[in-house]
């Protein structure tokens, strides 16, 4: 037999509101214009991103692109 949960009146615990950080469906549907380039990176850098991409089940090129996009966004908003 399952244990019954008994709810009582009173404070549960302190909590904090988390800002909505997810992009809207509209933003996810849009494809941004991209430009193909050739870039030389150190073997250590490529190995790092390949290893992390494997852990997170994504493409290492996408991780590098997102890193660069984040950098540009931050610098543009200074």
N, C-alpha and C. Protein backbone atom coordinates (compact mmCIF):
# COMPACT_ATOMS: atom_id res chain seq x y z
N UNK A 1 0.84 -1.18 0.00
CA UNK A 1 0.00 0.00 0.00
C UNK A 1 0.89 1.24 0.00
N UNK A 2 0.51 2.22 -0.81
CA UNK A 2 1.28 3.46 -0.91
C UNK A 2 1.07 4.32 0.32
N UNK A 3 2.12 5.02 0.69
CA UNK A 3 2.05 5.91 1.84
C UNK A 3 1.27 7.17 1.44
N UNK A 4 0.33 7.59 2.26
CA UNK A 4 -0.47 8.77 2.00
C UNK A 4 0.28 10.01 2.46
N UNK A 5 0.27 11.03 1.60
CA UNK A 5 0.91 12.30 1.95
C UNK A 5 -0.11 13.17 2.66
N UNK A 6 0.27 13.71 3.80
CA UNK A 6 -0.62 14.57 4.56
C UNK A 6 -0.12 16.01 4.44
N UNK A 7 -0.95 16.87 3.87
CA UNK A 7 -0.61 18.27 3.70
C UNK A 7 -1.11 19.07 4.90
N UNK A 8 -0.33 20.03 5.33
CA UNK A 8 -0.73 20.87 6.45
C UNK A 8 -0.64 22.33 6.03
N UNK A 9 -1.33 23.18 6.77
CA UNK A 9 -1.24 24.62 6.52
C UNK A 9 0.11 25.11 7.03
N UNK A 10 0.58 26.16 6.43
CA UNK A 10 1.83 26.74 6.91
C UNK A 10 2.83 26.94 5.80
N UNK A 11 3.93 27.53 6.19
CA UNK A 11 4.99 27.84 5.24
C UNK A 11 5.71 26.56 4.84
N UNK A 12 5.95 26.39 3.56
CA UNK A 12 6.64 25.21 3.07
C UNK A 12 8.15 25.42 3.19
N UNK A 13 8.67 26.34 2.42
CA UNK A 13 10.08 26.70 2.45
C UNK A 13 10.23 28.02 1.72
N UNK A 14 11.39 28.62 1.87
CA UNK A 14 11.66 29.84 1.11
C UNK A 14 11.86 29.46 -0.35
N UNK A 15 11.49 30.35 -1.24
CA UNK A 15 11.65 30.09 -2.66
C UNK A 15 12.07 31.37 -3.35
N UNK A 16 12.55 31.23 -4.57
CA UNK A 16 12.91 32.39 -5.37
C UNK A 16 12.38 32.21 -6.78
N UNK A 17 12.01 33.30 -7.38
CA UNK A 17 11.47 33.27 -8.74
C UNK A 17 12.64 33.24 -9.71
N UNK A 18 12.57 32.33 -10.66
CA UNK A 18 13.62 32.19 -11.67
C UNK A 18 13.17 32.93 -12.92
N UNK A 19 14.04 33.79 -13.42
CA UNK A 19 13.73 34.56 -14.63
C UNK A 19 13.54 33.61 -15.80
N UNK A 20 12.60 33.91 -16.69
CA UNK A 20 12.38 33.10 -17.88
C UNK A 20 13.55 33.33 -18.83
N UNK A 21 14.36 32.31 -19.05
CA UNK A 21 15.56 32.44 -19.86
C UNK A 21 15.44 31.70 -21.19
N UNK A 22 14.34 31.00 -21.40
CA UNK A 22 14.19 30.22 -22.63
C UNK A 22 13.71 31.10 -23.78
N UNK A 23 14.20 30.86 -24.99
CA UNK A 23 13.73 31.63 -26.14
C UNK A 23 12.29 31.25 -26.48
N UNK A 24 11.58 32.19 -27.08
CA UNK A 24 10.19 31.92 -27.47
C UNK A 24 10.19 30.96 -28.66
N UNK A 25 9.06 30.29 -28.91
CA UNK A 25 8.98 29.41 -30.08
C UNK A 25 9.27 30.16 -31.38
N UNK A 26 8.87 31.42 -31.44
CA UNK A 26 9.14 32.23 -32.63
C UNK A 26 10.64 32.36 -32.87
N UNK A 27 11.39 32.57 -31.78
CA UNK A 27 12.84 32.70 -31.91
C UNK A 27 13.48 31.37 -32.31
N UNK A 28 12.91 30.27 -31.86
CA UNK A 28 13.46 28.97 -32.20
C UNK A 28 13.21 28.60 -33.65
N UNK A 29 12.13 29.10 -34.21
CA UNK A 29 11.76 28.76 -35.58
C UNK A 29 12.59 29.51 -36.62
N UNK A 30 13.13 30.66 -36.24
CA UNK A 30 13.88 31.46 -37.19
C UNK A 30 15.27 30.90 -37.41
N UNK A 31 15.69 30.91 -38.65
CA UNK A 31 17.06 30.53 -38.96
C UNK A 31 17.82 31.81 -39.25
N UNK A 32 18.89 31.99 -38.53
CA UNK A 32 19.70 33.18 -38.74
C UNK A 32 20.58 32.99 -39.96
N UNK A 33 20.84 34.08 -40.64
CA UNK A 33 21.74 34.03 -41.78
C UNK A 33 23.14 33.70 -41.28
N UNK A 34 23.79 32.80 -41.95
CA UNK A 34 25.14 32.43 -41.53
C UNK A 34 26.10 32.52 -42.71
N UNK A 35 27.36 32.64 -42.38
CA UNK A 35 28.42 32.72 -43.38
C UNK A 35 29.43 31.63 -43.08
N UNK A 36 29.78 30.87 -44.09
CA UNK A 36 30.79 29.83 -43.90
C UNK A 36 32.17 30.47 -43.96
N UNK A 37 33.03 30.03 -43.02
CA UNK A 37 34.40 30.51 -42.98
C UNK A 37 35.34 29.35 -42.74
N UNK A 38 36.61 29.60 -42.95
CA UNK A 38 37.63 28.63 -42.58
C UNK A 38 38.42 29.25 -41.45
N UNK A 39 38.64 28.48 -40.39
CA UNK A 39 39.36 28.99 -39.23
C UNK A 39 40.31 27.91 -38.73
N UNK A 40 41.47 28.33 -38.31
CA UNK A 40 42.45 27.39 -37.73
C UNK A 40 42.41 27.53 -36.22
N UNK A 41 42.17 26.42 -35.54
CA UNK A 41 42.14 26.39 -34.08
C UNK A 41 43.19 25.39 -33.61
N UNK A 42 43.63 25.54 -32.38
CA UNK A 42 44.59 24.58 -31.85
C UNK A 42 43.91 23.23 -31.66
N UNK A 43 44.70 22.19 -31.72
CA UNK A 43 44.18 20.84 -31.52
C UNK A 43 43.53 20.73 -30.14
N UNK A 44 44.15 21.35 -29.16
CA UNK A 44 43.63 21.32 -27.78
C UNK A 44 42.21 21.90 -27.72
N UNK A 45 42.01 23.01 -28.41
CA UNK A 45 40.68 23.66 -28.42
C UNK A 45 39.64 22.77 -29.10
N UNK A 46 39.99 22.24 -30.26
CA UNK A 46 39.05 21.39 -30.98
C UNK A 46 38.74 20.13 -30.18
N UNK A 47 39.76 19.53 -29.59
CA UNK A 47 39.54 18.32 -28.77
C UNK A 47 38.62 18.62 -27.59
N UNK A 48 38.82 19.79 -26.97
CA UNK A 48 37.96 20.18 -25.85
C UNK A 48 36.50 20.26 -26.29
N UNK A 49 36.24 20.98 -27.38
CA UNK A 49 34.85 21.15 -27.83
C UNK A 49 34.25 19.83 -28.31
N UNK A 50 35.05 18.98 -28.95
CA UNK A 50 34.54 17.68 -29.38
C UNK A 50 34.16 16.84 -28.17
N UNK A 51 34.99 16.87 -27.14
CA UNK A 51 34.72 16.11 -25.93
C UNK A 51 33.45 16.61 -25.24
N UNK A 52 33.32 17.92 -25.10
CA UNK A 52 32.13 18.50 -24.46
C UNK A 52 30.88 18.25 -25.30
N UNK A 53 31.01 18.34 -26.61
CA UNK A 53 29.86 18.12 -27.50
C UNK A 53 29.36 16.68 -27.36
N UNK A 54 30.29 15.76 -27.23
CA UNK A 54 29.89 14.35 -27.07
C UNK A 54 29.12 14.15 -25.76
N UNK A 55 29.59 14.79 -24.70
CA UNK A 55 28.92 14.69 -23.40
C UNK A 55 27.50 15.25 -23.47
N UNK A 56 27.34 16.38 -24.19
CA UNK A 56 26.05 17.08 -24.25
C UNK A 56 25.23 16.73 -25.49
N UNK A 57 25.69 15.74 -26.25
CA UNK A 57 24.95 15.24 -27.42
C UNK A 57 24.61 16.37 -28.40
N UNK A 58 25.63 17.09 -28.81
CA UNK A 58 25.44 18.15 -29.78
C UNK A 58 26.66 18.20 -30.69
N UNK A 59 26.69 19.16 -31.58
CA UNK A 59 27.81 19.31 -32.52
C UNK A 59 28.82 20.30 -31.96
N UNK A 60 30.10 19.98 -32.10
CA UNK A 60 31.11 20.88 -31.55
C UNK A 60 31.15 22.20 -32.29
N UNK A 61 30.87 22.19 -33.60
CA UNK A 61 30.85 23.46 -34.35
C UNK A 61 29.75 24.38 -33.83
N UNK A 62 28.62 23.79 -33.46
CA UNK A 62 27.50 24.57 -32.93
C UNK A 62 27.89 25.21 -31.60
N UNK A 63 28.63 24.47 -30.77
CA UNK A 63 29.07 25.02 -29.49
C UNK A 63 30.01 26.21 -29.70
N UNK A 64 30.93 26.07 -30.64
CA UNK A 64 31.86 27.17 -30.93
C UNK A 64 31.10 28.37 -31.47
N UNK A 65 30.15 28.13 -32.37
CA UNK A 65 29.34 29.22 -32.94
C UNK A 65 28.55 29.92 -31.84
N UNK A 66 27.95 29.16 -30.93
CA UNK A 66 27.18 29.76 -29.83
C UNK A 66 28.08 30.57 -28.90
N UNK A 67 29.28 30.08 -28.67
CA UNK A 67 30.24 30.81 -27.84
C UNK A 67 30.58 32.16 -28.48
N UNK A 68 30.85 32.15 -29.77
CA UNK A 68 31.17 33.40 -30.47
C UNK A 68 29.97 34.34 -30.51
N UNK A 69 28.78 33.79 -30.73
CA UNK A 69 27.56 34.62 -30.74
C UNK A 69 27.34 35.27 -29.38
N UNK A 70 27.57 34.51 -28.31
CA UNK A 70 27.41 35.07 -26.96
C UNK A 70 28.40 36.20 -26.71
N UNK A 71 29.62 36.00 -27.16
CA UNK A 71 30.65 37.03 -27.01
C UNK A 71 30.23 38.31 -27.74
N UNK A 72 29.77 38.16 -28.97
CA UNK A 72 29.35 39.32 -29.76
C UNK A 72 28.18 40.04 -29.10
N UNK A 73 27.19 39.29 -28.62
CA UNK A 73 26.03 39.89 -27.95
C UNK A 73 26.48 40.70 -26.74
N UNK A 74 27.37 40.14 -25.95
CA UNK A 74 27.85 40.81 -24.73
C UNK A 74 28.60 42.08 -25.10
N UNK A 75 29.47 42.01 -26.09
CA UNK A 75 30.27 43.17 -26.48
C UNK A 75 29.40 44.26 -27.12
N UNK A 76 28.37 43.86 -27.86
CA UNK A 76 27.49 44.83 -28.50
C UNK A 76 26.65 45.59 -27.49
N UNK A 77 26.42 45.01 -26.32
CA UNK A 77 25.57 45.63 -25.30
C UNK A 77 26.37 46.38 -24.24
N UNK A 78 27.64 46.61 -24.47
CA UNK A 78 28.45 47.35 -23.48
C UNK A 78 28.22 48.84 -23.56
